[in-house]
Amino acid sequence: TSGLGENTPSQILIIPLVYNDDVFGAIELASFTDIDKYKIEFIEKVSTGIASTISAVKVNINTAVLLEETKAKSEQMAAQDEEVKQTLEIMQTNQDNLSESLDKLTATFNAVKHVANIIEYDLQGRIIAVSENYLHLLNKEKEDIIGKYQGSLSIEPQDIVKFNTFWQHLRRGVTRTNITKYETEEKKYEIKSFFSPVKNKEGVTYKIISIDQITKLK
């Protein structure tokens, strides 16, 4: 019997839709008379064309889906590229602003060094730099100061235990103050020093700066 109607046909012809060894479906024909051989051969040839068309349509659909996915991915990548570009521009702007701030800070610090009494120390307490104004006030040359330990210019005796404890605190990042007395051939001074650890970007102390307040004693 056939699914095409209630009457019983005398012949049923079922032709598979085959293209490149792939089956895409089948054609069912019912006839109340004998189906001639040439008609069968014609339908077989037509079925190949139909299967080829169906195959091409499926390929086109798959291609369209892939193109849509590729387009979506391209748009997503373009959006990400734009986001990365904007992020890089922001980072560049921040870096430019930071460089400008550092330049201003360096210029400010250099200006301060000309008028303030500043000494820089390594982590062992040795002097590595001193401002020109300070040298003039102490009546010393740079080579007389560089390499000496903190407190070595004081007229008071140095307590090695207190010195070590003092610098342990500074190396750990703790600010400290200290008062010493210094004497030239003509004058006597009291020096109050404010010690501040200087840290790198990892937060590790790599040198110490002291800004000194000098008071001339009577």
C-alpha atoms as a PDB file:
ATOM      1  CA  THR A   1       0.000   0.000   0.000  1.00  0.00           C
ATOM      2  CA  SER A   2       0.966   3.633  -0.296  1.00  0.00           C
ATOM      3  CA  GLY A   3       0.743   6.536   2.080  1.00  0.00           C
ATOM      4  CA  LEU A   4      -0.526   8.746  -0.752  1.00  0.00           C
ATOM      5  CA  GLY A   5      -4.179   7.678  -0.685  1.00  0.00           C
ATOM      6  CA  GLU A   6      -6.756   5.048   0.212  1.00  0.00           C
ATOM      7  CA  ASN A   7      -6.911   3.223  -3.135  1.00  0.00           C
ATOM      8  CA  THR A   8      -4.458   0.407  -3.635  1.00  0.00           C
ATOM      9  CA  PRO A   9      -2.019   1.195  -6.453  1.00  0.00           C
ATOM     10  CA  SER A  10      -0.790  -1.506  -8.771  1.00  0.00           C
ATOM     11  CA  GLN A  11       2.828  -0.326  -8.435  1.00  0.00           C
ATOM     12  CA  ILE A  12       4.820   1.801  -6.002  1.00  0.00           C
ATOM     13  CA  LEU A  13       8.156   3.330  -7.025  1.00  0.00           C
ATOM     14  CA  ILE A  14      10.513   4.562  -4.297  1.00  0.00           C
ATOM     15  CA  ILE A  15      13.684   6.308  -5.499  1.00  0.00           C
ATOM     16  CA  PRO A  16      16.368   7.352  -2.940  1.00  0.00           C
ATOM     17  CA  LEU A  17      17.816  10.864  -3.262  1.00  0.00           C
ATOM     18  CA  VAL A  18      21.556  10.089  -3.421  1.00  0.00           C
ATOM     19  CA  TYR A  19      24.423  12.445  -4.170  1.00  0.00           C
ATOM     20  CA  ASN A  20      28.091  11.629  -3.554  1.00  0.00           C
ATOM     21  CA  ASP A  21      27.047   8.535  -1.603  1.00  0.00           C
ATOM     22  CA  ASP A  22      24.966  10.656   0.801  1.00  0.00           C
ATOM     23  CA  VAL A  23      21.243   9.903   1.071  1.00  0.00           C
ATOM     24  CA  PHE A  24      19.124  13.046   1.514  1.00  0.00           C
ATOM     25  CA  GLY A  25      15.661  11.412   1.387  1.00  0.00           C
ATOM     26  CA  ALA A  26      13.448   9.478  -1.029  1.00  0.00           C
ATOM     27  CA  ILE A  27      10.716  10.001  -3.660  1.00  0.00           C
ATOM     28  CA  GLU A  28       7.648   7.765  -3.493  1.00  0.00           C
ATOM     29  CA  LEU A  29       5.431   7.445  -6.585  1.00  0.00           C
ATOM     30  CA  ALA A  30       2.247   5.341  -6.745  1.00  0.00           C
ATOM     31  CA  SER A  31       0.704   4.282 -10.043  1.00  0.00           C
ATOM     32  CA  PHE A  32      -2.460   2.391 -10.959  1.00  0.00           C
ATOM     33  CA  THR A  33      -0.749   1.208 -14.126  1.00  0.00           C
ATOM     34  CA  ASP A  34       2.629  -0.306 -14.835  1.00  0.00           C
ATOM     35  CA  ILE A  35       5.493   2.200 -14.709  1.00  0.00           C
ATOM     36  CA  ASP A  36       7.580   2.044 -17.863  1.00  0.00           C
ATOM     37  CA  LYS A  37      11.320   1.460 -17.536  1.00  0.00           C
ATOM     38  CA  TYR A  38      12.238   4.739 -19.265  1.00  0.00           C
ATOM     39  CA  LYS A  39      10.095   6.611 -16.729  1.00  0.00           C
ATOM     40  CA  ILE A  40      11.936   4.893 -13.916  1.00  0.00           C
ATOM     41  CA  GLU A  41      15.290   5.823 -15.479  1.00  0.00           C
ATOM     42  CA  PHE A  42      14.117   9.437 -15.901  1.00  0.00           C
ATOM     43  CA  ILE A  43      12.998   9.653 -12.288  1.00  0.00           C
ATOM     44  CA  GLU A  44      16.348   8.200 -11.150  1.00  0.00           C
ATOM     45  CA  LYS A  45      18.184  10.928 -13.094  1.00  0.00           C
ATOM     46  CA  VAL A  46      15.869  13.637 -11.705  1.00  0.00           C
ATOM     47  CA  SER A  47      16.403  12.273  -8.177  1.00  0.00           C
ATOM     48  CA  THR A  48      20.161  12.798  -8.562  1.00  0.00           C
ATOM     49  CA  GLY A  49      19.566  16.425  -9.523  1.00  0.00           C
ATOM     50  CA  ILE A  50      17.198  16.908  -6.591  1.00  0.00           C
ATOM     51  CA  ALA A  51      19.728  15.344  -4.200  1.00  0.00           C
ATOM     52  CA  SER A  52      22.447  17.587  -5.660  1.00  0.00           C
ATOM     53  CA  THR A  53      20.271  20.652  -5.117  1.00  0.00           C
ATOM     54  CA  ILE A  54      19.466  19.632  -1.541  1.00  0.00           C
ATOM     55  CA  SER A  55      23.201  19.048  -0.904  1.00  0.00           C
ATOM     56  CA  ALA A  56      24.059  22.485  -2.295  1.00  0.00           C
ATOM     57  CA  VAL A  57      21.336  24.113  -0.198  1.00  0.00           C
ATOM     58  CA  LYS A  58      22.674  22.410   2.952  1.00  0.00           C
ATOM     59  CA  VAL A  59      26.201  23.502   2.075  1.00  0.00           C
ATOM     60  CA  ASN A  60      24.985  27.058   1.512  1.00  0.00           C
ATOM     61  CA  ILE A  61      23.102  27.017   4.826  1.00  0.00           C
ATOM     62  CA  ASN A  62      26.190  25.723   6.641  1.00  0.00           C
ATOM     63  CA  THR A  63      28.318  28.304   4.863  1.00  0.00           C
ATOM     64  CA  ALA A  64      25.888  31.061   5.830  1.00  0.00           C
ATOM     65  CA  VAL A  65      25.959  29.889   9.457  1.00  0.00           C
ATOM     66  CA  LEU A  66      29.755  29.787   9.424  1.00  0.00           C
ATOM     67  CA  LEU A  67      29.900  33.237   7.824  1.00  0.00           C
ATOM     68  CA  GLU A  68      27.538  34.575  10.468  1.00  0.00           C
ATOM     69  CA  GLU A  69      29.636  33.029  13.222  1.00  0.00           C
ATOM     70  CA  THR A  70      32.809  34.374  11.603  1.00  0.00           C
ATOM     71  CA  LYS A  71      31.202  37.814  11.301  1.00  0.00           C
ATOM     72  CA  ALA A  72      30.140  37.694  14.955  1.00  0.00           C
ATOM     73  CA  LYS A  73      33.634  36.629  16.017  1.00  0.00           C
ATOM     74  CA  SER A  74      35.185  39.327  13.828  1.00  0.00           C
ATOM     75  CA  GLU A  75      32.914  41.955  15.388  1.00  0.00           C
ATOM     76  CA  GLN A  76      33.766  40.612  18.834  1.00  0.00           C
ATOM     77  CA  MET A  77      37.493  40.691  18.037  1.00  0.00           C
ATOM     78  CA  ALA A  78      37.104  44.185  16.593  1.00  0.00           C
ATOM     79  CA  ALA A  79      35.349  45.263  19.784  1.00  0.00           C
ATOM     80  CA  GLN A  80      38.106  43.645  21.836  1.00  0.00           C
ATOM     81  CA  ASP A  81      40.751  45.302  19.648  1.00  0.00           C
ATOM     82  CA  GLU A  82      39.030  48.646  20.162  1.00  0.00           C
ATOM     83  CA  GLU A  83      38.863  47.990  23.896  1.00  0.00           C
ATOM     84  CA  VAL A  84      42.548  47.019  23.938  1.00  0.00           C
ATOM     85  CA  LYS A  85      43.355  50.106  21.881  1.00  0.00           C
ATOM     86  CA  GLN A  86      41.456  52.317  24.322  1.00  0.00           C
ATOM     87  CA  THR A  87      43.156  50.598  27.258  1.00  0.00           C
ATOM     88  CA  LEU A  88      46.575  51.166  25.670  1.00  0.00           C
ATOM     89  CA  GLU A  89      45.711  54.800  25.023  1.00  0.00           C
ATOM     90  CA  ILE A  90      44.642  55.204  28.666  1.00  0.00           C
ATOM     91  CA  MET A  91      47.838  53.471  29.827  1.00  0.00           C
ATOM     92  CA  GLN A  92      49.912  55.725  27.561  1.00  0.00           C
ATOM     93  CA  THR A  93      48.116  58.790  28.896  1.00  0.00           C
ATOM     94  CA  ASN A  94      48.677  57.609  32.467  1.00  0.00           C
ATOM     95  CA  GLN A  95      52.334  56.936  31.698  1.00  0.00           C
ATOM     96  CA  ASP A  96      52.717  60.397  30.151  1.00  0.00           C
ATOM     97  CA  ASN A  97      51.035  61.952  33.179  1.00  0.00           C
ATOM     98  CA  LEU A  98      53.246  59.903  35.491  1.00  0.00           C
ATOM     99  CA  SER A  99      56.382  60.906  33.589  1.00  0.00           C
ATOM    100  CA  GLU A 100      55.302  64.535  33.754  1.00  0.00           C
ATOM    101  CA  SER A 101      54.595  64.207  37.486  1.00  0.00           C
ATOM    102  CA  LEU A 102      57.963  62.532  38.033  1.00  0.00           C
ATOM    103  CA  ASP A 103      59.708  65.275  36.070  1.00  0.00           C
ATOM    104  CA  LYS A 104      57.959  67.905  38.165  1.00  0.00           C
ATOM    105  CA  LEU A 105      58.736  66.019  41.351  1.00  0.00           C
ATOM    106  CA  THR A 106      62.394  65.642  40.353  1.00  0.00           C
ATOM    107  CA  ALA A 107      62.599  69.323  39.485  1.00  0.00           C
ATOM    108  CA  THR A 108      60.954  70.223  42.786  1.00  0.00           C
ATOM    109  CA  PHE A 109      63.299  67.945  44.720  1.00  0.00           C
ATOM    110  CA  ASN A 110      66.339  69.373  42.944  1.00  0.00           C
ATOM    111  CA  ALA A 111      65.116  72.868  43.722  1.00  0.00           C
ATOM    112  CA  VAL A 112      64.593  71.926  47.362  1.00  0.00           C
ATOM    113  CA  LYS A 113      68.085  70.433  47.529  1.00  0.00           C
ATOM    114  CA  HIS A 114      69.568  73.819  46.643  1.00  0.00           C
ATOM    115  CA  VAL A 115      67.943  75.547  49.594  1.00  0.00           C
ATOM    116  CA  ALA A 116      67.286  72.745  52.110  1.00  0.00           C
ATOM    117  CA  ASN A 117      69.641  70.719  54.260  1.00  0.00           C
ATOM    118  CA  ILE A 118      69.293  67.218  52.800  1.00  0.00           C
ATOM    119  CA  ILE A 119      71.474  64.144  53.234  1.00  0.00           C
ATOM    120  CA  GLU A 120      70.976  60.786  51.519  1.00  0.00           C
ATOM    121  CA  TYR A 121      72.173  57.549  53.133  1.00  0.00           C
ATOM    122  CA  ASP A 122      72.528  53.946  52.051  1.00  0.00           C
ATOM    123  CA  LEU A 123      70.924  51.231  54.187  1.00  0.00           C
ATOM    124  CA  GLN A 124      74.050  50.876  56.331  1.00  0.00           C
ATOM    125  CA  GLY A 125      73.901  54.530  57.371  1.00  0.00           C
ATOM    126  CA  ARG A 126      76.687  55.810  55.089  1.00  0.00           C
ATOM    127  CA  ILE A 127      76.265  59.201  53.425  1.00  0.00           C
ATOM    128  CA  ILE A 128      75.898  58.904  49.645  1.00  0.00           C
ATOM    129  CA  ALA A 129      74.775  62.462  48.785  1.00  0.00           C
ATOM    130  CA  VAL A 130      74.488  65.856  50.470  1.00  0.00           C
ATOM    131  CA  SER A 131      72.959  69.117  49.302  1.00  0.00           C
ATOM    132  CA  GLU A 132      75.229  72.000  48.344  1.00  0.00           C
ATOM    133  CA  ASN A 133      73.515  74.303  50.823  1.00  0.00           C
ATOM    134  CA  TYR A 134      74.285  71.849  53.625  1.00  0.00           C
ATOM    135  CA  LEU A 135      77.939  71.602  52.614  1.00  0.00           C
ATOM    136  CA  HIS A 136      78.218  75.378  52.647  1.00  0.00           C
ATOM    137  CA  LEU A 137      76.628  75.552  56.093  1.00  0.00           C
ATOM    138  CA  LEU A 138      78.903  72.851  57.501  1.00  0.00           C
ATOM    139  CA  ASN A 139      81.901  74.450  55.804  1.00  0.00           C
ATOM    140  CA  LYS A 140      82.795  71.087  54.304  1.00  0.00           C
ATOM    141  CA  GLU A 141      83.668  69.714  50.891  1.00  0.00           C
ATOM    142  CA  LYS A 142      81.706  66.829  49.431  1.00  0.00           C
ATOM    143  CA  GLU A 143      84.659  64.438  49.728  1.00  0.00           C
ATOM    144  CA  ASP A 144      84.770  65.232  53.460  1.00  0.00           C
ATOM    145  CA  ILE A 145      81.201  63.946  53.873  1.00  0.00           C
ATOM    146  CA  ILE A 146      80.551  61.173  51.358  1.00  0.00           C
ATOM    147  CA  GLY A 147      81.108  57.708  52.817  1.00  0.00           C
ATOM    148  CA  LYS A 148      80.935  58.748  56.454  1.00  0.00           C
ATOM    149  CA  TYR A 149      78.373  57.192  58.785  1.00  0.00           C
ATOM    150  CA  GLN A 150      75.399  59.092  60.165  1.00  0.00           C
ATOM    151  CA  GLY A 151      76.369  60.856  63.368  1.00  0.00           C
ATOM    152  CA  SER A 152      80.093  60.834  62.636  1.00  0.00           C
ATOM    153  CA  LEU A 153      80.145  64.651  62.466  1.00  0.00           C
ATOM    154  CA  SER A 154      78.536  64.991  65.872  1.00  0.00           C
ATOM    155  CA  ILE A 155      80.656  66.300  68.735  1.00  0.00           C
ATOM    156  CA  GLU A 156      78.937  63.743  70.994  1.00  0.00           C
ATOM    157  CA  PRO A 157      80.237  60.155  71.285  1.00  0.00           C
ATOM    158  CA  GLN A 158      78.528  57.579  69.074  1.00  0.00           C
ATOM    159  CA  ASP A 159      76.559  54.757  70.771  1.00  0.00           C
ATOM    160  CA  ILE A 160      76.925  51.775  68.429  1.00  0.00           C
ATOM    161  CA  VAL A 161      73.969  49.893  69.949  1.00  0.00           C
ATOM    162  CA  LYS A 162      71.637  52.866  69.516  1.00  0.00           C
ATOM    163  CA  PHE A 163      73.024  53.402  66.014  1.00  0.00           C
ATOM    164  CA  ASN A 164      72.255  49.811  64.962  1.00  0.00           C
ATOM    165  CA  THR A 165      68.759  49.896  66.468  1.00  0.00           C
ATOM    166  CA  PHE A 166      68.079  53.263  64.833  1.00  0.00           C
ATOM    167  CA  TRP A 167      69.016  51.965  61.381  1.00  0.00           C
ATOM    168  CA  GLN A 168      67.178  48.673  61.788  1.00  0.00           C
ATOM    169  CA  HIS A 169      63.991  50.685  62.203  1.00  0.00           C
ATOM    170  CA  LEU A 170      64.769  52.767  59.138  1.00  0.00           C
ATOM    171  CA  ARG A 171      65.467  49.676  57.014  1.00  0.00           C
ATOM    172  CA  ARG A 172      62.068  48.315  58.042  1.00  0.00           C
ATOM    173  CA  GLY A 173      60.458  51.509  56.717  1.00  0.00           C
ATOM    174  CA  VAL A 174      59.944  53.335  60.026  1.00  0.00           C
ATOM    175  CA  THR A 175      60.551  57.109  60.014  1.00  0.00           C
ATOM    176  CA  ARG A 176      62.772  58.436  62.795  1.00  0.00           C
ATOM    177  CA  THR A 177      64.062  61.716  64.199  1.00  0.00           C
ATOM    178  CA  ASN A 178      67.417  62.439  65.753  1.00  0.00           C
ATOM    179  CA  ILE A 179      69.127  65.401  67.409  1.00  0.00           C
ATOM    180  CA  THR A 180      72.891  65.924  67.294  1.00  0.00           C
ATOM    181  CA  LYS A 181      75.282  68.780  67.898  1.00  0.00           C
ATOM    182  CA  TYR A 182      77.866  69.972  65.399  1.00  0.00           C
ATOM    183  CA  GLU A 183      80.632  72.471  65.954  1.00  0.00           C
ATOM    184  CA  THR A 184      82.777  74.445  63.535  1.00  0.00           C
ATOM    185  CA  GLU A 185      85.739  76.615  64.452  1.00  0.00           C
ATOM    186  CA  GLU A 186      83.448  79.596  64.888  1.00  0.00           C
ATOM    187  CA  LYS A 187      79.953  78.306  65.661  1.00  0.00           C
ATOM    188  CA  LYS A 188      78.042  75.533  67.366  1.00  0.00           C
ATOM    189  CA  TYR A 189      74.808  74.105  65.980  1.00  0.00           C
ATOM    190  CA  GLU A 190      72.024  71.789  67.037  1.00  0.00           C
ATOM    191  CA  ILE A 191      70.833  69.618  64.159  1.00  0.00           C
ATOM    192  CA  LYS A 192      67.383  68.026  64.269  1.00  0.00           C
ATOM    193  CA  SER A 193      67.129  65.420  61.521  1.00  0.00           C
ATOM    194  CA  PHE A 194      63.942  63.907  60.102  1.00  0.00           C
ATOM    195  CA  PHE A 195      64.793  60.511  58.567  1.00  0.00           C
ATOM    196  CA  SER A 196      62.466  59.060  55.941  1.00  0.00           C
ATOM    197  CA  PRO A 197      62.909  55.664  54.186  1.00  0.00           C
ATOM    198  CA  VAL A 198      62.639  55.752  50.385  1.00  0.00           C
ATOM    199  CA  LYS A 199      60.994  52.678  48.836  1.00  0.00           C
ATOM    200  CA  ASN A 200      60.952  51.265  45.328  1.00  0.00           C
ATOM    201  CA  LYS A 201      57.792  50.182  43.475  1.00  0.00           C
ATOM    202  CA  GLU A 202      57.887  46.807  45.263  1.00  0.00           C
ATOM    203  CA  GLY A 203      57.716  48.613  48.597  1.00  0.00           C
ATOM    204  CA  VAL A 204      61.296  47.757  49.567  1.00  0.00           C
ATOM    205  CA  THR A 205      63.420  50.426  51.251  1.00  0.00           C
ATOM    206  CA  TYR A 206      66.548  51.135  49.201  1.00  0.00           C
ATOM    207  CA  LYS A 207      67.856  54.389  50.708  1.00  0.00           C
ATOM    208  CA  ILE A 208      67.205  56.916  53.481  1.00  0.00           C
ATOM    209  CA  ILE A 209      66.793  60.694  53.184  1.00  0.00           C
ATOM    210  CA  SER A 210      67.100  63.089  56.084  1.00  0.00           C
ATOM    211  CA  ILE A 211      65.921  66.686  56.040  1.00  0.00           C
ATOM    212  CA  ASP A 212      67.725  68.585  58.751  1.00  0.00           C
ATOM    213  CA  GLN A 213      66.667  71.616  60.722  1.00  0.00           C
ATOM    214  CA  ILE A 214      69.725  73.524  61.982  1.00  0.00           C
ATOM    215  CA  THR A 215      69.639  75.882  64.931  1.00  0.00           C
ATOM    216  CA  LYS A 216      72.623  77.996  65.862  1.00  0.00           C
ATOM    217  CA  LEU A 217      73.386  77.737  69.566  1.00  0.00           C
ATOM    218  CA  LYS A 218      74.499  80.692  71.630  1.00  0.00           C
END
